[in-house]
C-alpha atoms as a PDB file:
ATOM      1  CA  UNK A   1      -6.099 -56.095 -18.095  1.00  0.00           C
ATOM      2  CA  UNK A   2      -6.869 -56.749 -21.749  1.00  0.00           C
ATOM      3  CA  UNK A   3      -7.624 -60.265 -22.912  1.00  0.00           C
ATOM      4  CA  UNK A   4      -5.305 -61.783 -25.502  1.00  0.00           C
ATOM      5  CA  UNK A   5      -7.171 -63.661 -28.184  1.00  0.00           C
ATOM      6  CA  UNK A   6      -5.968 -66.214 -30.727  1.00  0.00           C
ATOM      7  CA  UNK A   7      -5.249 -63.588 -33.387  1.00  0.00           C
ATOM      8  CA  UNK A   8      -3.004 -61.647 -31.020  1.00  0.00           C
ATOM      9  CA  UNK A   9      -1.147 -64.832 -30.081  1.00  0.00           C
ATOM     10  CA  UNK A  10      -0.570 -65.660 -33.751  1.00  0.00           C
ATOM     11  CA  UNK A  11       0.783 -62.160 -34.360  1.00  0.00           C
ATOM     12  CA  UNK A  12       3.126 -62.463 -31.362  1.00  0.00           C
ATOM     13  CA  UNK A  13       4.437 -65.849 -32.578  1.00  0.00           C
ATOM     14  CA  UNK A  14       5.029 -64.493 -36.094  1.00  0.00           C
ATOM     15  CA  UNK A  15       6.902 -61.477 -34.725  1.00  0.00           C
ATOM     16  CA  UNK A  16       9.055 -63.747 -32.529  1.00  0.00           C
ATOM     17  CA  UNK A  17       9.896 -65.970 -35.499  1.00  0.00           C
ATOM     18  CA  UNK A  18      10.818 -62.925 -37.575  1.00  0.00           C
ATOM     19  CA  UNK A  19      12.981 -61.454 -34.817  1.00  0.00           C
ATOM     20  CA  UNK A  20      14.840 -64.556 -33.661  1.00  0.00           C
ATOM     21  CA  UNK A  21      14.459 -67.026 -36.495  1.00  0.00           C
ATOM     22  CA  UNK A  22      13.005 -70.508 -36.308  1.00  0.00           C
ATOM     23  CA  UNK A  23      16.353 -72.093 -35.379  1.00  0.00           C
ATOM     24  CA  UNK A  24      17.020 -69.890 -32.357  1.00  0.00           C
ATOM     25  CA  UNK A  25      13.553 -70.104 -30.790  1.00  0.00           C
ATOM     26  CA  UNK A  26      14.018 -73.560 -29.182  1.00  0.00           C
ATOM     27  CA  UNK A  27      17.340 -72.466 -27.691  1.00  0.00           C
ATOM     28  CA  UNK A  28      15.774 -69.260 -26.404  1.00  0.00           C
ATOM     29  CA  UNK A  29      12.866 -71.184 -24.849  1.00  0.00           C
ATOM     30  CA  UNK A  30      15.283 -73.661 -23.241  1.00  0.00           C
ATOM     31  CA  UNK A  31      17.376 -70.827 -21.842  1.00  0.00           C
ATOM     32  CA  UNK A  32      14.274 -69.103 -20.502  1.00  0.00           C
ATOM     33  CA  UNK A  33      13.174 -72.333 -18.812  1.00  0.00           C
ATOM     34  CA  UNK A  34      16.559 -72.765 -17.138  1.00  0.00           C
ATOM     35  CA  UNK A  35      16.521 -69.172 -15.952  1.00  0.00           C
ATOM     36  CA  UNK A  36      13.039 -69.578 -14.475  1.00  0.00           C
ATOM     37  CA  UNK A  37      14.076 -72.800 -12.698  1.00  0.00           C
ATOM     38  CA  UNK A  38      17.130 -71.087 -11.175  1.00  0.00           C
ATOM     39  CA  UNK A  39      15.030 -68.085 -10.152  1.00  0.00           C
ATOM     40  CA  UNK A  40      12.420 -70.287  -8.446  1.00  0.00           C
ATOM     41  CA  UNK A  41      15.066 -72.258  -6.563  1.00  0.00           C
ATOM     42  CA  UNK A  42      16.736 -69.053  -5.362  1.00  0.00           C
ATOM     43  CA  UNK A  43      13.411 -67.607  -4.181  1.00  0.00           C
ATOM     44  CA  UNK A  44      12.657 -70.851  -2.343  1.00  0.00           C
ATOM     45  CA  UNK A  45      16.113 -70.813  -0.748  1.00  0.00           C
ATOM     46  CA  UNK A  46      15.653 -67.210   0.367  1.00  0.00           C
ATOM     47  CA  UNK A  47      12.297 -68.010   1.973  1.00  0.00           C
ATOM     48  CA  UNK A  48      13.909 -70.968   3.780  1.00  0.00           C
ATOM     49  CA  UNK A  49      16.646 -68.661   5.095  1.00  0.00           C
ATOM     50  CA  UNK A  50      14.030 -66.351   6.626  1.00  0.00           C
ATOM     51  CA  UNK A  51      12.453 -69.137   8.705  1.00  0.00           C
ATOM     52  CA  UNK A  52      14.127 -69.908  12.047  1.00  0.00           C
ATOM     53  CA  UNK A  53      15.763 -73.296  12.193  1.00  0.00           C
ATOM     54  CA  UNK A  54      14.522 -75.827  14.735  1.00  0.00           C
ATOM     55  CA  UNK A  55      17.144 -77.386  17.014  1.00  0.00           C
ATOM     56  CA  UNK A  56      17.782 -80.962  15.978  1.00  0.00           C
ATOM     57  CA  UNK A  57      18.927 -82.237  19.350  1.00  0.00           C
ATOM     58  CA  UNK A  58      20.106 -81.200  22.753  1.00  0.00           C
ATOM     59  CA  UNK A  59      22.821 -78.634  22.920  1.00  0.00           C
ATOM     60  CA  UNK A  60      25.899 -79.831  24.778  1.00  0.00           C
ATOM     61  CA  UNK A  61      26.854 -77.772  27.854  1.00  0.00           C
ATOM     62  CA  UNK A  62      30.015 -75.705  27.503  1.00  0.00           C
ATOM     63  CA  UNK A  63      33.145 -77.551  28.535  1.00  0.00           C
ATOM     64  CA  UNK A  64      35.396 -76.255  31.272  1.00  0.00           C
ATOM     65  CA  UNK A  65      38.721 -74.954  30.045  1.00  0.00           C
ATOM     66  CA  UNK A  66      41.532 -77.421  30.479  1.00  0.00           C
ATOM     67  CA  UNK A  67      44.349 -76.562  32.797  1.00  0.00           C
ATOM     68  CA  UNK A  68      47.418 -75.498  30.868  1.00  0.00           C
ATOM     69  CA  UNK A  69      51.056 -75.556  31.928  1.00  0.00           C
ATOM     70  CA  UNK A  70      50.944 -71.823  32.731  1.00  0.00           C
ATOM     71  CA  UNK A  71      48.182 -72.199  35.341  1.00  0.00           C
ATOM     72  CA  UNK A  72      48.706 -73.093  38.969  1.00  0.00           C
ATOM     73  CA  UNK A  73      46.694 -76.045  40.340  1.00  0.00           C
ATOM     74  CA  UNK A  74      44.159 -75.047  42.957  1.00  0.00           C
END
């Protein structure tokens, strides 16, 4: 992978300013930051979904069905 030196960085910044203008660059950077934050949170949420959840307490036993009016008492 090639190394990027200071002259290449200056050229990239100048090209960005020419393409987007000095007024739109802060908005573009802010939008990029928001997008990265959303992306990271979604990736974290997906990795949490893959992990099995630990039971937080005892599971209650199933309840017996209640006798309805259509059933005969035993």
